[in-house]
Amino acid sequence: MKASTERKIIRWMHIILGIPIVGYLYGPVSTIPVSSMIVRWIIFPLLVLSGLWLWKGHVVKKLFRKKPVHTLKVG
């Protein structure tokens, strides 16, 4: 997958996950126990992780990128 395509997918996921947060803050979602728990324990952490990935995902990718193995020649 190209980096631009990945960025677009993560960005749209981040925007869509933000909609229930707005409902939680300004709507009746906070009064419904099941919806409240879903927003608190599933949607909000995913929103934070997608935001962090958009911000610093390139650094994480660089850390996990395979490094070439250097061999020492003796002799």
N, C-alpha and C. Protein backbone atom coordinates (compact mmCIF):
# COMPACT_ATOMS: atom_id res chain seq x y z
N MET A 1 0.85 -1.17 0.00
CA MET A 1 0.00 0.00 0.00
C MET A 1 0.89 1.23 0.00
N LYS A 2 0.53 2.18 -0.82
CA LYS A 2 1.30 3.42 -0.89
C LYS A 2 1.05 4.25 0.36
N ALA A 3 2.00 5.09 0.70
CA ALA A 3 1.91 5.91 1.91
C ALA A 3 0.74 6.89 1.83
N SER A 4 0.47 7.43 0.66
CA SER A 4 -0.62 8.38 0.52
C SER A 4 -1.97 7.70 0.73
N THR A 5 -2.12 6.48 0.23
CA THR A 5 -3.36 5.73 0.42
C THR A 5 -3.57 5.39 1.89
N GLU A 6 -2.50 4.97 2.55
CA GLU A 6 -2.58 4.65 3.98
C GLU A 6 -2.99 5.89 4.77
N ARG A 7 -2.40 7.04 4.44
CA ARG A 7 -2.71 8.28 5.14
C ARG A 7 -4.18 8.66 4.96
N LYS A 8 -4.69 8.49 3.74
CA LYS A 8 -6.10 8.81 3.48
C LYS A 8 -7.03 7.91 4.28
N ILE A 9 -6.71 6.62 4.33
CA ILE A 9 -7.56 5.68 5.08
C ILE A 9 -7.54 6.01 6.57
N ILE A 10 -6.36 6.24 7.13
CA ILE A 10 -6.25 6.56 8.56
C ILE A 10 -6.93 7.89 8.86
N ARG A 11 -6.76 8.86 7.97
CA ARG A 11 -7.38 10.18 8.19
C ARG A 11 -8.90 10.08 8.22
N TRP A 12 -9.48 9.33 7.27
CA TRP A 12 -10.94 9.18 7.24
C TRP A 12 -11.44 8.37 8.43
N MET A 13 -10.67 7.36 8.84
CA MET A 13 -11.05 6.61 10.03
C MET A 13 -11.04 7.53 11.25
N HIS A 14 -10.06 8.40 11.34
CA HIS A 14 -9.95 9.35 12.44
C HIS A 14 -11.15 10.31 12.45
N ILE A 15 -11.53 10.79 11.29
CA ILE A 15 -12.67 11.71 11.20
C ILE A 15 -13.97 11.00 11.57
N ILE A 16 -14.17 9.80 11.07
CA ILE A 16 -15.41 9.06 11.35
C ILE A 16 -15.49 8.66 12.82
N LEU A 17 -14.35 8.29 13.43
CA LEU A 17 -14.36 7.95 14.85
C LEU A 17 -14.61 9.17 15.73
N GLY A 18 -14.39 10.36 15.21
CA GLY A 18 -14.64 11.57 15.98
C GLY A 18 -16.13 11.90 16.10
N ILE A 19 -16.95 11.37 15.22
CA ILE A 19 -18.39 11.67 15.24
C ILE A 19 -19.05 11.18 16.53
N PRO A 20 -18.81 9.93 16.98
CA PRO A 20 -19.42 9.52 18.25
C PRO A 20 -18.93 10.32 19.47
N ILE A 21 -17.72 10.84 19.40
CA ILE A 21 -17.21 11.67 20.50
C ILE A 21 -18.04 12.94 20.60
N VAL A 22 -18.38 13.52 19.47
CA VAL A 22 -19.24 14.72 19.46
C VAL A 22 -20.62 14.37 20.03
N GLY A 23 -21.15 13.21 19.65
CA GLY A 23 -22.42 12.75 20.19
C GLY A 23 -22.35 12.51 21.68
N TYR A 24 -21.21 12.03 22.14
CA TYR A 24 -21.03 11.80 23.58
C TYR A 24 -21.00 13.12 24.34
N LEU A 25 -20.34 14.11 23.77
CA LEU A 25 -20.21 15.40 24.47
C LEU A 25 -21.48 16.24 24.41
N TYR A 26 -22.15 16.26 23.26
CA TYR A 26 -23.26 17.18 23.07
C TYR A 26 -24.62 16.50 22.93
N GLY A 27 -24.65 15.20 22.86
CA GLY A 27 -25.91 14.52 22.64
C GLY A 27 -26.29 13.58 23.77
N PRO A 28 -27.23 12.71 23.50
CA PRO A 28 -27.73 11.81 24.53
C PRO A 28 -26.89 10.54 24.71
N VAL A 29 -25.78 10.43 24.01
CA VAL A 29 -24.99 9.20 24.09
C VAL A 29 -24.46 8.97 25.50
N SER A 30 -24.13 10.03 26.21
CA SER A 30 -23.57 9.86 27.55
C SER A 30 -24.59 9.33 28.54
N THR A 31 -25.87 9.41 28.23
CA THR A 31 -26.89 8.90 29.15
C THR A 31 -27.25 7.45 28.88
N ILE A 32 -26.81 6.89 27.77
CA ILE A 32 -27.06 5.49 27.43
C ILE A 32 -25.84 4.68 27.88
N PRO A 33 -26.00 3.78 28.85
CA PRO A 33 -24.82 3.10 29.42
C PRO A 33 -23.98 2.31 28.41
N VAL A 34 -24.61 1.54 27.54
CA VAL A 34 -23.85 0.72 26.59
C VAL A 34 -23.09 1.61 25.61
N SER A 35 -23.75 2.61 25.08
CA SER A 35 -23.10 3.52 24.13
C SER A 35 -21.98 4.29 24.81
N SER A 36 -22.20 4.67 26.04
CA SER A 36 -21.19 5.39 26.79
C SER A 36 -19.92 4.55 26.96
N MET A 37 -20.10 3.28 27.31
CA MET A 37 -18.94 2.40 27.48
C MET A 37 -18.22 2.16 26.15
N ILE A 38 -18.96 2.03 25.06
CA ILE A 38 -18.34 1.83 23.75
C ILE A 38 -17.49 3.04 23.37
N VAL A 39 -18.04 4.23 23.61
CA VAL A 39 -17.29 5.45 23.27
C VAL A 39 -16.06 5.57 24.16
N ARG A 40 -16.19 5.29 25.44
CA ARG A 40 -15.07 5.46 26.37
C ARG A 40 -13.97 4.43 26.16
N TRP A 41 -14.31 3.17 25.95
CA TRP A 41 -13.32 2.11 25.98
C TRP A 41 -12.92 1.58 24.62
N ILE A 42 -13.63 1.92 23.55
CA ILE A 42 -13.27 1.44 22.22
C ILE A 42 -12.97 2.59 21.27
N ILE A 43 -13.94 3.49 21.10
CA ILE A 43 -13.81 4.53 20.09
C ILE A 43 -12.75 5.56 20.45
N PHE A 44 -12.74 6.03 21.70
CA PHE A 44 -11.77 7.05 22.09
C PHE A 44 -10.32 6.54 22.00
N PRO A 45 -10.01 5.33 22.50
CA PRO A 45 -8.63 4.84 22.30
C PRO A 45 -8.24 4.67 20.83
N LEU A 46 -9.18 4.20 20.00
CA LEU A 46 -8.88 4.10 18.57
C LEU A 46 -8.65 5.47 17.94
N LEU A 47 -9.40 6.46 18.38
CA LEU A 47 -9.22 7.82 17.90
C LEU A 47 -7.84 8.36 18.28
N VAL A 48 -7.44 8.10 19.50
CA VAL A 48 -6.11 8.54 19.96
C VAL A 48 -5.01 7.83 19.19
N LEU A 49 -5.14 6.52 19.02
CA LEU A 49 -4.12 5.77 18.28
C LEU A 49 -4.02 6.20 16.82
N SER A 50 -5.16 6.46 16.19
CA SER A 50 -5.11 6.90 14.79
C SER A 50 -4.49 8.29 14.69
N GLY A 51 -4.76 9.15 15.65
CA GLY A 51 -4.14 10.47 15.64
C GLY A 51 -2.63 10.39 15.85
N LEU A 52 -2.21 9.53 16.78
CA LEU A 52 -0.78 9.36 16.99
C LEU A 52 -0.10 8.76 15.76
N TRP A 53 -0.80 7.82 15.09
CA TRP A 53 -0.23 7.22 13.89
C TRP A 53 -0.09 8.27 12.78
N LEU A 54 -1.09 9.15 12.64
CA LEU A 54 -0.98 10.20 11.64
C LEU A 54 0.17 11.15 11.96
N TRP A 55 0.40 11.36 13.25
CA TRP A 55 1.42 12.31 13.67
C TRP A 55 2.82 11.70 13.61
N LYS A 56 3.01 10.52 14.20
CA LYS A 56 4.33 9.93 14.33
C LYS A 56 4.46 8.53 13.76
N GLY A 57 3.59 8.16 12.83
CA GLY A 57 3.64 6.83 12.25
C GLY A 57 4.92 6.56 11.48
N HIS A 58 5.47 7.59 10.86
CA HIS A 58 6.70 7.40 10.09
C HIS A 58 7.87 7.01 10.99
N VAL A 59 7.86 7.51 12.23
CA VAL A 59 8.93 7.16 13.17
C VAL A 59 8.80 5.70 13.59
N VAL A 60 7.58 5.24 13.84
CA VAL A 60 7.34 3.86 14.23
C VAL A 60 7.74 2.92 13.09
N LYS A 61 7.40 3.29 11.87
CA LYS A 61 7.77 2.46 10.71
C LYS A 61 9.29 2.37 10.58
N LYS A 62 9.97 3.48 10.84
CA LYS A 62 11.42 3.48 10.73
C LYS A 62 12.05 2.57 11.77
N LEU A 63 11.46 2.51 12.97
CA LEU A 63 11.99 1.65 14.03
C LEU A 63 11.86 0.17 13.68
N PHE A 64 10.79 -0.21 13.01
CA PHE A 64 10.54 -1.60 12.70
C PHE A 64 11.03 -2.03 11.32
N ARG A 65 11.62 -1.10 10.58
CA ARG A 65 12.15 -1.43 9.27
C ARG A 65 13.35 -2.36 9.42
N LYS A 66 13.45 -3.33 8.54
CA LYS A 66 14.57 -4.27 8.63
C LYS A 66 15.87 -3.55 8.32
N LYS A 67 16.85 -3.82 9.16
CA LYS A 67 18.17 -3.24 8.95
C LYS A 67 19.05 -4.29 8.29
N PRO A 68 19.90 -3.88 7.39
CA PRO A 68 20.78 -4.87 6.74
C PRO A 68 21.76 -5.47 7.75
N VAL A 69 22.02 -6.75 7.61
CA VAL A 69 22.95 -7.44 8.49
C VAL A 69 24.35 -7.32 7.90
N HIS A 70 25.27 -6.80 8.69
CA HIS A 70 26.65 -6.65 8.25
C HIS A 70 27.45 -7.83 8.78
N THR A 71 28.22 -8.43 7.91
CA THR A 71 29.07 -9.54 8.33
C THR A 71 30.51 -9.07 8.40
N LEU A 72 31.20 -9.58 9.37
CA LEU A 72 32.61 -9.25 9.52
C LEU A 72 33.45 -10.33 8.84
N LYS A 73 34.41 -9.89 8.05
CA LYS A 73 35.31 -10.83 7.40
C LYS A 73 36.59 -10.91 8.21
N VAL A 74 36.91 -12.09 8.63
CA VAL A 74 38.13 -12.28 9.41
C VAL A 74 39.20 -12.84 8.48
N GLY A 75 40.36 -12.21 8.53
CA GLY A 75 41.42 -12.80 7.73
C GLY A 75 42.25 -11.86 7.00
